[in-house]
Protein backbone atom coordinates (compact mmCIF):
# COMPACT_ATOMS: atom_id res chain seq x y z
CA UNK A 1 0.13 -0.17 -0.15
CA UNK A 2 1.33 3.42 -1.03
CA UNK A 3 1.66 5.37 2.25
CA UNK A 4 0.82 9.14 0.93
CA UNK A 5 0.45 10.10 4.77
CA UNK A 6 -3.16 10.97 4.94
CA UNK A 7 -4.74 7.27 5.82
CA UNK A 8 -2.11 7.13 8.28
CA UNK A 9 -3.28 10.36 9.79
CA UNK A 10 -6.64 9.52 9.82
CA UNK A 11 -6.24 6.65 11.68
CA UNK A 12 -3.77 7.64 14.35
CA UNK A 13 -5.40 9.28 17.50
CA UNK A 14 -4.79 12.19 19.41
CA UNK A 15 -1.15 12.05 20.93
CA UNK A 16 0.36 13.72 23.42
CA UNK A 17 3.82 14.95 22.28
CA UNK A 18 4.98 17.85 25.05
CA UNK A 19 3.64 18.00 28.44
CA UNK A 20 0.10 18.80 27.82
CA UNK A 21 0.54 19.54 24.04
CA UNK A 22 -1.21 16.92 21.62
CA UNK A 23 -1.18 16.45 17.73
CA UNK A 24 -3.82 15.32 15.28
CA UNK A 25 -4.74 15.65 11.37
CA UNK A 26 -5.43 19.41 10.74
CA UNK A 27 -9.13 19.97 9.59
CA UNK A 28 -11.05 22.54 8.23
CA UNK A 29 -12.68 23.72 11.17
CA UNK A 30 -9.12 24.46 12.83
CA UNK A 31 -8.95 27.11 10.06
CA UNK A 32 -10.27 30.25 12.24
CA UNK A 33 -7.63 29.47 14.90
CA UNK A 34 -4.57 28.60 11.89
CA UNK A 35 -5.38 32.07 10.18
CA UNK A 36 -5.18 34.03 13.63
CA UNK A 37 -1.74 32.45 14.59
CA UNK A 38 -0.35 32.84 10.73
CA UNK A 39 -1.26 36.15 11.06
CA UNK A 40 0.46 36.97 14.25
CA UNK A 41 3.97 35.04 13.16
CA UNK A 42 4.18 36.05 9.56
CA UNK A 43 4.64 39.66 7.71
CA UNK A 44 2.86 37.86 4.38
CA UNK A 45 0.42 35.69 5.92
CA UNK A 46 -0.79 32.59 3.47
CA UNK A 47 -4.56 33.30 3.03
CA UNK A 48 -7.33 30.96 3.94
CA UNK A 49 -7.61 29.73 -0.24
CA UNK A 50 -3.74 28.81 0.52
CA UNK A 51 -4.75 26.78 3.72
CA UNK A 52 -8.10 25.13 2.07
CA UNK A 53 -5.71 24.16 -1.00
CA UNK A 54 -2.93 22.08 1.28
CA UNK A 55 -5.64 20.64 2.89
CA UNK A 56 -7.68 19.31 0.01
CA UNK A 57 -4.69 17.47 -1.18
CA UNK A 58 -4.69 13.80 -0.23
CA UNK A 59 -1.18 13.43 -0.26
CA UNK A 60 -0.29 16.61 2.16
CA UNK A 61 0.71 15.93 5.82
CA UNK A 62 -1.52 18.86 7.58
CA UNK A 63 -0.94 18.75 11.45
CA UNK A 64 -2.25 20.53 14.49
CA UNK A 65 -0.86 21.04 17.84
CA UNK A 66 -3.63 21.80 20.64
CA UNK A 67 -3.87 21.94 24.24
CA UNK A 68 -6.03 19.18 26.36
CA UNK A 69 -8.49 21.99 26.08
CA UNK A 70 -8.46 21.48 22.19
CA UNK A 71 -7.14 25.10 22.24
CA UNK A 72 -4.52 25.22 18.39
CA UNK A 73 -1.25 25.81 19.63
CA UNK A 74 0.70 25.38 16.19
CA UNK A 75 0.14 23.69 13.01
CA UNK A 76 2.06 22.24 10.08
CA UNK A 77 1.41 22.24 6.28
CA UNK A 78 3.90 19.82 4.34
CA UNK A 79 3.16 18.65 0.65
CA UNK A 80 4.74 15.63 -1.04
CA UNK A 81 6.06 16.51 -5.02
CA UNK A 82 6.93 12.92 -6.53
CA UNK A 83 9.29 11.78 -3.96
CA UNK A 84 10.22 15.17 -2.16
CA UNK A 85 8.24 16.56 0.72
CA UNK A 86 8.06 20.29 1.21
CA UNK A 87 7.58 21.60 4.49
CA UNK A 88 5.84 24.69 3.33
CA UNK A 89 4.52 26.24 6.54
CA UNK A 90 4.69 25.59 10.40
CA UNK A 91 3.75 28.55 13.51
CA UNK A 92 3.46 28.37 16.76
CA UNK A 93 1.48 30.74 18.76
CA UNK A 94 3.90 33.74 20.19
CA UNK A 95 2.90 31.99 23.79
CA UNK A 96 4.14 28.58 23.46
CA UNK A 97 6.94 29.37 21.15
CA UNK A 98 10.48 27.48 22.48
CA UNK A 99 8.40 24.70 24.32
CA UNK A 100 9.29 21.98 21.72
CA UNK A 101 5.60 22.46 19.84
CA UNK A 102 7.39 23.17 16.51
CA UNK A 103 9.81 20.56 16.90
CA UNK A 104 6.77 18.04 18.02
CA UNK A 105 5.27 18.96 14.71
CA UNK A 106 7.78 18.28 12.36
CA UNK A 107 8.74 14.97 14.47
CA UNK A 108 5.07 13.81 13.78
CA UNK A 109 5.52 14.69 9.89
CA UNK A 110 8.68 12.46 9.95
CA UNK A 111 6.54 9.54 11.76
CA UNK A 112 3.86 10.06 9.09
CA UNK A 113 6.08 10.32 5.80
CA UNK A 114 7.64 6.87 5.84
CA UNK A 115 11.01 5.36 5.71
CA UNK A 116 13.45 7.27 3.52
CA UNK A 117 11.58 10.16 3.09
CA UNK A 118 13.24 13.50 2.06
CA UNK A 119 12.46 17.08 3.02
CA UNK A 120 13.17 20.54 1.73
CA UNK A 121 12.03 23.75 3.29
CA UNK A 122 13.05 27.81 2.82
CA UNK A 123 13.27 29.89 5.75
CA UNK A 124 14.32 33.57 6.18
CA UNK A 125 18.00 33.89 6.91
CA UNK A 126 17.42 36.44 9.81
CA UNK A 127 15.62 33.76 11.34
CA UNK A 128 18.02 32.30 13.34
CA UNK A 129 16.07 30.64 16.06
CA UNK A 130 14.25 28.50 13.32
CA UNK A 131 17.15 27.60 11.58
CA UNK A 132 18.92 26.17 14.74
CA UNK A 133 15.78 24.38 15.30
CA UNK A 134 15.78 22.84 11.63
CA UNK A 135 19.64 21.83 12.38
CA UNK A 136 18.82 20.27 15.74
CA UNK A 137 16.24 18.00 13.77
CA UNK A 138 18.75 17.10 11.47
CA UNK A 139 18.30 19.77 8.23
CA UNK A 140 21.15 21.01 6.50
CA UNK A 141 21.93 23.95 4.46
CA UNK A 142 22.07 23.48 1.10
CA UNK A 143 21.66 26.74 -0.61
CA UNK A 144 20.02 30.39 -0.77
CA UNK A 145 16.85 31.53 -2.88
CA UNK A 146 18.21 35.09 -3.42
CA UNK A 147 15.29 37.82 -3.01
CA UNK A 148 12.39 35.05 -2.19
CA UNK A 149 10.32 37.09 0.55
CA UNK A 150 8.44 39.51 -1.45
CA UNK A 151 8.02 41.51 1.91
CA UNK A 152 11.29 42.93 2.07
CA UNK A 153 13.67 40.92 -0.70
CA UNK A 154 15.27 38.54 2.12
CA UNK A 155 16.90 35.55 0.89
CA UNK A 156 15.45 32.46 1.74
CA UNK A 157 17.97 29.33 3.25
CA UNK A 158 17.33 26.57 1.52
CA UNK A 159 17.63 23.48 4.19
CA UNK A 160 17.12 19.70 3.17
CA UNK A 161 16.56 16.53 5.62
CA UNK A 162 16.79 12.67 4.72
CA UNK A 163 15.36 10.55 7.13
CA UNK A 164 17.78 7.62 6.35
CA UNK A 165 20.78 9.38 7.77
CA UNK A 166 22.23 10.56 5.06
CA UNK A 167 22.82 13.92 3.51
CA UNK A 168 20.26 14.85 0.99
CA UNK A 169 21.12 15.49 -2.62
CA UNK A 170 19.94 18.75 -3.80
CA UNK A 171 18.18 18.35 -7.34
């Protein structure tokens, strides 16, 4: 059976990942909370339509991190393109940052992607905290996209990760 991520996410119950923070599949009903977090986190936030599009893709991994009360603390959106997963969006409420929520979301993504999965992402070069977290999770710097961010023309650092433990080839 092909592991597209979606079946496993739907079958997996909510799981406790970091002292009261739980992971589950992100759903359409979560989008008002997700949009609120997105707007607090990014100078050029995704639109509602962008989230709806990613949630509608059967091969995407979309996760929510929430507290015992159900309040969303963070989310992750990862899409598969052929044999490579692209971590497109991860954000955590300012109050819950630096508590392992983003790392737990990425760990959940790794678990759901299948063995030998390869991942890529772009991150602002000025986002030193995110870069350090990604590196601590095994991502490696692999290049730069010049003037990637439209709001200020900042470059993006391209990072890759291979679950096999071998460095990923950038193609």
